[in-house]
Protein backbone atom coordinates (compact mmCIF):
# COMPACT_ATOMS: atom_id res chain seq x y z
CA MET A 1 7.18 -114.30 -1.65
CA PHE A 2 9.09 -113.49 -4.56
CA ILE A 3 12.72 -115.83 -4.82
CA SER A 4 14.89 -114.09 -7.21
CA SER A 5 18.09 -115.75 -9.08
CA LEU A 6 20.45 -114.50 -6.64
CA LEU A 7 18.39 -116.27 -3.38
CA LEU A 8 18.32 -119.34 -5.18
CA CYS A 9 22.38 -119.19 -5.43
CA MET A 10 22.23 -118.63 -2.04
CA VAL A 11 19.85 -121.66 -0.64
CA LEU A 12 21.86 -123.90 -3.44
CA ILE A 13 25.70 -122.85 -2.91
CA LEU A 14 25.92 -121.44 0.86
CA ALA A 15 29.68 -121.60 1.02
CA SER A 16 30.03 -118.54 -1.25
CA GLY A 17 27.54 -116.06 -2.87
CA CYS A 18 26.47 -115.85 -6.36
CA SER A 19 24.07 -114.16 -9.02
CA GLU A 20 22.91 -115.58 -12.38
CA LYS A 21 23.51 -113.93 -15.41
CA GLY A 22 22.70 -116.32 -18.10
CA ASN A 23 24.18 -119.95 -17.64
CA GLU A 24 26.89 -118.01 -15.97
CA VAL A 25 27.33 -118.46 -12.43
CA GLU A 26 28.82 -115.25 -10.96
CA SER A 27 31.11 -114.96 -7.36
CA PHE A 28 30.11 -111.62 -5.16
CA THR A 29 32.03 -110.13 -2.37
CA THR A 30 30.52 -110.31 0.70
CA VAL A 31 30.21 -107.83 3.81
CA PHE A 32 28.97 -110.16 6.54
CA GLU A 33 27.35 -113.50 6.66
CA PHE A 34 24.03 -113.62 8.76
CA GLN A 35 21.99 -117.22 9.51
CA GLY A 36 24.47 -118.85 7.40
CA LYS A 37 23.83 -116.13 4.21
CA SER A 38 26.47 -113.72 2.63
CA ILE A 39 25.43 -110.42 2.25
CA SER A 40 26.82 -109.31 -0.92
CA ILE A 41 28.96 -105.90 -0.89
CA GLY A 42 26.09 -104.90 -3.69
CA GLU A 43 22.99 -105.37 -0.76
CA VAL A 44 25.09 -103.51 1.21
CA TYR A 45 25.53 -100.92 -1.31
CA LEU A 46 21.67 -100.59 -1.66
CA TYR A 47 20.80 -99.62 1.48
CA ALA A 48 23.78 -96.96 1.89
CA ARG A 49 22.70 -95.40 -0.96
CA THR A 50 19.05 -95.37 -0.10
CA VAL A 51 20.14 -93.45 3.50
CA MET A 52 22.55 -91.54 1.91
CA ASP A 53 20.28 -89.94 -0.81
CA ASP A 54 17.86 -89.35 2.37
CA TYR A 55 20.31 -87.50 4.13
CA GLU A 56 21.31 -85.57 1.85
CA LYS A 57 18.14 -84.06 0.38
CA THR A 58 17.32 -83.68 4.01
CA TYR A 59 20.89 -81.88 5.22
CA GLY A 60 22.35 -80.98 2.19
CA GLU A 61 26.10 -83.29 1.16
CA GLN A 62 28.39 -81.40 3.43
CA VAL A 63 26.10 -83.49 5.94
CA TRP A 64 29.21 -86.36 6.00
CA SER A 65 31.56 -83.48 8.15
CA MET A 66 29.24 -83.65 10.72
CA LYS A 67 29.87 -84.71 14.22
CA VAL A 68 27.44 -86.35 16.12
CA ALA A 69 27.25 -86.59 19.83
CA VAL A 70 26.39 -90.35 21.21
CA ASP A 71 27.65 -90.75 25.08
CA ASP A 72 28.53 -87.39 25.52
CA GLU A 73 31.35 -87.95 23.19
CA LYS A 74 31.36 -86.71 18.95
CA THR A 75 31.13 -88.97 16.59
CA ASP A 76 31.60 -89.26 12.92
CA LEU A 77 28.46 -89.61 11.22
CA ARG A 78 29.90 -91.53 8.41
CA THR A 79 30.87 -93.75 10.65
CA LEU A 80 27.79 -94.33 12.64
CA THR A 81 25.76 -94.51 9.53
CA LYS A 82 27.82 -97.34 8.22
CA LYS A 83 26.59 -99.09 11.93
CA ASP A 84 23.45 -98.40 11.16
CA ILE A 85 23.12 -99.74 7.70
CA ILE A 86 24.42 -102.38 8.39
CA GLU A 87 21.76 -102.91 11.71
CA ASP A 88 19.12 -102.17 9.44
CA ILE A 89 19.73 -104.91 7.22
CA VAL A 90 19.46 -107.31 9.90
CA LYS A 91 16.47 -106.00 11.31
CA VAL A 92 14.74 -106.45 7.57
CA LYS A 93 16.36 -109.99 7.77
CA VAL A 94 14.70 -110.93 10.90
CA LEU A 95 11.51 -109.28 10.41
CA CYS A 96 11.26 -111.13 7.26
CA GLY A 97 11.96 -114.31 9.36
CA LYS A 98 8.98 -114.01 11.46
CA ALA A 99 6.59 -113.25 8.72
CA GLU A 100 5.24 -116.66 8.64
CA SER A 101 4.82 -116.59 12.41
CA TYR A 102 2.45 -113.19 12.18
CA GLY A 103 0.60 -114.77 8.98
CA ILE A 104 2.14 -112.26 6.54
CA SER A 105 2.75 -112.42 3.25
CA LEU A 106 3.38 -110.53 0.21
CA MET A 107 0.51 -109.70 -2.37
CA ASP A 108 0.09 -109.42 -6.04
CA SER A 109 -0.13 -105.28 -5.18
CA ASP A 110 3.19 -105.58 -3.32
CA GLN A 111 4.78 -107.46 -6.07
CA SER A 112 3.70 -104.74 -8.53
CA ARG A 113 4.73 -102.06 -6.45
CA ALA A 114 8.20 -103.76 -6.06
CA GLU A 115 9.06 -104.48 -9.87
CA ILE A 116 7.96 -100.41 -10.14
CA GLU A 117 10.39 -99.23 -7.55
CA THR A 118 13.01 -101.83 -8.93
CA GLU A 119 12.62 -100.35 -12.24
CA ALA A 120 13.29 -96.80 -10.83
CA PHE A 121 16.00 -97.49 -8.68
CA TRP A 122 17.55 -99.44 -11.41
CA LYS A 123 17.51 -96.77 -13.64
CA ASN A 124 18.97 -94.22 -11.38
CA LEU A 125 22.37 -96.48 -10.87
CA THR A 126 25.25 -95.54 -13.03
CA ASP A 127 27.35 -98.43 -15.39
CA VAL A 128 30.26 -97.66 -12.81
CA GLN A 129 27.78 -98.61 -9.44
CA ILE A 130 26.46 -101.32 -11.18
CA LYS A 131 29.98 -102.76 -12.19
CA GLU A 132 31.92 -101.89 -8.81
CA MET A 133 29.04 -102.69 -6.63
CA GLU A 134 28.27 -105.68 -8.43
CA LEU A 135 24.66 -104.94 -8.96
CA THR A 136 21.57 -107.01 -10.65
CA ARG A 137 18.10 -106.14 -11.25
CA ASP A 138 17.21 -109.40 -9.22
CA LEU A 139 19.24 -107.89 -6.31
CA VAL A 140 17.72 -104.51 -6.75
CA LYS A 141 14.35 -106.28 -6.44
CA GLN A 142 14.99 -108.77 -3.51
CA CYS A 143 16.09 -106.12 -1.18
CA ILE A 144 13.07 -103.58 -2.35
CA THR A 145 10.92 -107.47 -1.89
CA GLU A 146 12.39 -107.73 1.79
CA ASN A 147 11.84 -104.18 3.00
CA ILE A 148 8.31 -104.33 1.64
CA LEU A 149 7.57 -107.65 3.86
CA ALA A 150 9.42 -106.54 6.80
CA GLY A 151 7.46 -103.14 6.66
CA LYS A 152 4.03 -105.25 6.95
CA VAL A 153 5.67 -107.60 9.62
CA TYR A 154 6.51 -104.32 11.58
CA ASP A 155 3.37 -103.01 11.33
CA LYS A 156 1.24 -105.92 12.26
CA VAL A 157 3.26 -106.38 15.63
CA MET A 158 2.53 -102.46 16.25
CA GLU A 159 -0.97 -103.26 15.71
CA GLU A 160 -0.87 -106.00 18.26
CA ALA A 161 1.10 -103.39 20.34
CA GLY A 162 -1.96 -101.32 20.59
CA ILE A 163 0.00 -98.03 20.96
CA GLU A 164 -2.25 -95.07 21.44
CA VAL A 165 -1.50 -91.47 22.47
CA SER A 166 -4.05 -89.33 23.71
CA ASP A 167 -4.74 -85.65 22.71
CA GLU A 168 -4.31 -85.06 26.61
CA GLU A 169 -0.78 -86.78 26.47
CA GLY A 170 -0.14 -84.73 23.64
CA ARG A 171 -1.66 -81.62 24.31
CA MET A 172 0.74 -78.67 23.29
CA THR A 173 -1.42 -75.11 23.73
CA THR A 174 -0.74 -71.97 21.57
CA ILE A 175 -0.99 -68.45 23.64
CA TYR A 176 -0.07 -64.94 22.87
CA ASP A 177 1.50 -63.45 25.83
CA MET A 178 1.15 -60.04 25.74
CA TYR A 179 3.76 -58.82 28.71
CA PHE A 180 4.35 -55.67 29.73
CA PRO A 181 7.83 -56.14 31.67
CA CYS A 182 8.55 -54.39 35.20
CA TYR A 183 12.05 -54.14 34.77
CA ARG A 184 15.13 -52.89 32.27
CA GLU A 185 18.27 -55.54 31.11
CA SER A 186 21.10 -53.41 30.24
CA ALA A 187 23.79 -54.23 27.50
CA THR A 188 25.88 -56.06 29.48
CA GLY A 189 23.05 -57.79 31.27
CA THR A 190 22.33 -56.37 34.54
CA VAL A 191 18.62 -56.08 35.41
CA THR A 192 17.42 -53.10 36.84
CA PRO A 193 13.80 -53.21 38.66
CA MET A 194 11.68 -50.02 37.62
CA SER A 195 10.44 -47.60 40.37
CA ALA A 196 7.23 -48.06 41.60
CA ASP A 197 5.17 -45.38 39.82
CA GLU A 198 7.35 -46.93 36.59
CA LYS A 199 5.38 -50.18 37.60
CA GLU A 200 2.28 -48.74 38.39
CA ASP A 201 2.43 -47.07 34.81
CA GLN A 202 2.71 -50.14 33.02
CA TYR A 203 -0.39 -52.00 35.02
CA GLU A 204 -2.13 -48.55 33.71
CA LYS A 205 -1.24 -49.67 30.10
CA ALA A 206 -1.94 -53.04 30.78
CA LEU A 207 -4.99 -52.35 31.96
CA GLN A 208 -5.74 -49.80 28.69
CA ALA A 209 -4.99 -53.07 26.35
CA TYR A 210 -7.41 -55.20 27.82
CA ASN A 211 -10.44 -52.89 27.79
CA THR A 212 -9.46 -52.48 24.19
CA LEU A 213 -9.21 -55.96 23.61
CA ILE A 214 -12.47 -56.84 24.88
CA SER A 215 -14.27 -54.51 22.77
CA PRO A 216 -12.96 -55.84 19.37
CA VAL A 217 -13.47 -53.74 16.24
CA ASP A 218 -13.64 -56.69 14.15
CA ASP A 219 -13.59 -60.40 13.80
CA SER A 220 -9.67 -60.98 14.36
CA PRO A 221 -8.78 -60.66 17.84
CA ASN A 222 -4.99 -62.21 17.50
CA ARG A 223 -4.47 -59.59 15.10
CA ASN A 224 -5.53 -56.75 17.66
CA VAL A 225 -3.38 -58.55 20.34
CA GLU A 226 -0.35 -58.17 18.03
CA ALA A 227 -1.30 -54.78 16.70
CA LEU A 228 -1.81 -53.41 20.38
CA ALA A 229 1.64 -55.09 21.48
CA SER A 230 3.21 -53.05 18.90
CA TYR A 231 1.59 -49.87 20.05
CA TYR A 232 2.74 -50.36 23.03
CA GLY A 233 6.03 -51.30 21.99
CA LEU A 234 6.31 -54.45 24.14
CA THR A 235 9.14 -56.53 22.27
CA GLU A 236 8.79 -59.33 24.33
CA ALA A 237 5.46 -59.80 23.61
CA GLY A 238 4.55 -62.90 21.09
CA PHE A 239 2.90 -66.31 20.24
CA VAL A 240 3.81 -69.05 22.39
CA THR A 241 3.10 -72.87 22.12
CA LYS A 242 4.24 -75.26 24.78
CA SER A 243 2.84 -78.25 26.73
CA PRO A 244 0.88 -77.85 30.28
CA GLU A 245 4.28 -78.89 31.80
CA GLU A 246 6.26 -76.41 29.89
CA LEU A 247 3.81 -73.68 30.73
CA LYS A 248 4.07 -74.47 34.12
CA LEU A 249 8.06 -74.28 34.17
CA THR A 250 7.43 -70.43 32.55
CA TYR A 251 4.25 -69.23 34.19
CA GLY A 252 3.86 -71.79 37.51
CA SER A 253 1.04 -73.84 38.52
CA GLU A 254 -1.55 -71.08 39.58
CA ILE A 255 -1.10 -69.36 36.16
CA THR A 256 -1.20 -72.40 33.84
CA ASN A 257 -3.89 -73.34 35.73
CA MET A 258 -6.17 -70.13 34.94
CA LEU A 259 -4.65 -70.52 31.28
CA TYR A 260 -6.63 -73.89 31.16
CA THR A 261 -10.03 -72.15 32.01
CA LEU A 262 -9.92 -69.78 28.74
CA GLU A 263 -11.80 -71.19 25.84
CA ASP A 264 -10.30 -70.11 22.58
CA GLY A 265 -10.42 -66.67 21.59
CA SER A 266 -10.79 -65.20 24.65
CA TYR A 267 -8.31 -63.50 27.13
CA SER A 268 -6.85 -63.47 30.66
CA LEU A 269 -7.52 -60.86 32.83
CA VAL A 270 -4.26 -58.59 33.51
CA THR A 271 -2.11 -61.19 35.21
CA GLU A 272 0.99 -60.41 37.91
CA THR A 273 3.96 -62.56 37.68
CA GLU A 274 7.36 -61.25 39.64
CA TYR A 275 8.56 -59.76 36.32
CA GLY A 276 5.80 -57.45 35.16
CA TYR A 277 1.84 -57.46 34.00
CA HIS A 278 0.76 -60.37 31.45
CA ILE A 279 -2.60 -60.20 29.16
CA PHE A 280 -3.02 -63.86 27.96
CA TYR A 281 -4.94 -64.41 24.65
CA MET A 282 -6.09 -68.01 24.34
CA GLN A 283 -5.79 -68.96 20.48
CA SER A 284 -5.86 -72.58 20.67
CA LEU A 285 -6.21 -74.45 23.71
CA THR A 286 -5.32 -77.26 21.71
CA ASP A 287 -3.01 -77.10 18.92
CA ARG A 288 -3.83 -79.54 16.31
CA THR A 289 -0.73 -79.18 13.91
CA ALA A 290 1.41 -79.10 17.25
CA THR A 291 -0.71 -81.62 19.41
CA ASN A 292 -0.77 -84.31 16.40
CA ARG A 293 3.31 -83.52 15.83
CA LYS A 294 3.76 -84.31 19.33
CA LYS A 295 1.74 -87.09 19.51
CA ASP A 296 3.54 -89.04 16.56
CA ARG A 297 6.90 -88.40 18.00
CA ILE A 298 5.75 -89.94 21.57
CA GLU A 299 4.28 -92.63 19.56
CA ARG A 300 7.40 -93.47 17.67
CA GLU A 301 9.55 -93.26 21.06
CA ARG A 302 7.00 -95.92 22.57
CA LYS A 303 7.07 -98.26 19.60
CA ASN A 304 10.54 -98.06 19.23
CA LEU A 305 10.95 -98.79 22.62
CA TYR A 306 8.33 -102.05 22.29
CA PHE A 307 10.34 -103.30 19.36
CA THR A 308 13.40 -102.84 20.83
CA SER A 309 12.24 -105.50 23.80
CA ARG A 310 11.15 -107.77 21.14
CA TYR A 311 14.02 -107.32 18.62
CA ALA A 312 16.78 -108.46 20.68
CA GLY A 313 15.36 -112.03 21.57
CA TRP A 314 14.54 -112.00 17.85
CA LEU A 315 17.87 -111.62 16.76
CA LYS A 316 19.75 -113.84 19.21
CA GLU A 317 17.22 -116.71 17.94
CA ALA A 318 17.73 -115.85 14.22
CA ASP A 319 21.27 -115.84 14.54
CA SER A 320 23.47 -115.79 17.95
CA SER A 321 26.62 -115.48 16.56
CA TYR A 322 25.95 -112.29 14.96
CA GLU A 323 28.17 -109.23 16.38
CA TYR A 324 28.64 -106.44 14.15
CA GLU A 325 32.53 -105.64 15.24
CA LYS A 326 33.01 -109.36 14.83
CA SER A 327 30.81 -109.97 11.90
CA VAL A 328 31.70 -107.27 9.18
CA ASP A 329 35.00 -107.58 6.84
CA PHE A 330 35.43 -104.02 7.53
CA GLU A 331 38.31 -104.08 4.46
CA VAL A 332 35.25 -104.83 1.95
CA TYR A 333 32.84 -102.56 3.77
CA ASP A 334 35.11 -99.92 3.24
CA LYS A 335 34.70 -99.90 -0.60
CA ILE A 336 31.37 -98.26 -0.15
CA SER A 337 31.88 -94.46 0.13
CA LEU A 338 29.64 -92.25 2.00
CA GLN A 339 30.16 -88.89 0.24
């Protein structure tokens, strides 16, 4: 594992932070201490800068004016993010501390990656940032190297956990619901059932549409169903992608069970619900894109739960005295502006 001059100074001089510049040793400003070592304003800034760039790239520069709901209360995103930044640093330190017990070390390829990422990151820093945040190349490389090592440990932990999500658990199904409503809704929201004759007319239209669909004129039945919906003026018809549970909430168990007897590219018979008549086109019993997205979400949630259950003990073992509100020097931390 790479040991930078900054880390060497931490070992030799535990009473205060330092960095080497030639033969001169310079002190740095400490934001908090963890495991008896000082975490400098520069290290915290590097994490903060990465988070800021990611947030602004995803949500725009106005993101910092957002309020986030936490425990039914609106919390300033900036305040919430500042805590997350410190907790991320602590997690990296804890994971790095578990590397030996998991038999994890950095390879030459990891060191090369750290060198490349260090230079790329360093080039994007301004002279003002370097000076005010007390940054050095060694510090940048230390942070990147620790994150690479922590990532490898995390991956090993997750590998041993053996967390997998099946297609059945993550299944998302895409259908087209050609819906012939049997009620009218006024501009004020008042719902009025159609007359018996009007309902019969809707049923006849649905039968006509079904007969047209099962006698396709080309090899693209889904285009037919959309064209027919437009022909009949079915403004509430459309594609729907839902899980089996969501389909049951929308259509009920009986219709949902029927839907799962359909094959991709096939149609249901004209099906009646309390709201009207439907013809269902089964586009994808298992919508691969949507299913994979749901599986990834479920997997992330389960990994997070598993990691959290392990991490609590590791944190206490690493530094039982650490506590965000008590350990962080907020007067120093506030010098880092999230904007």
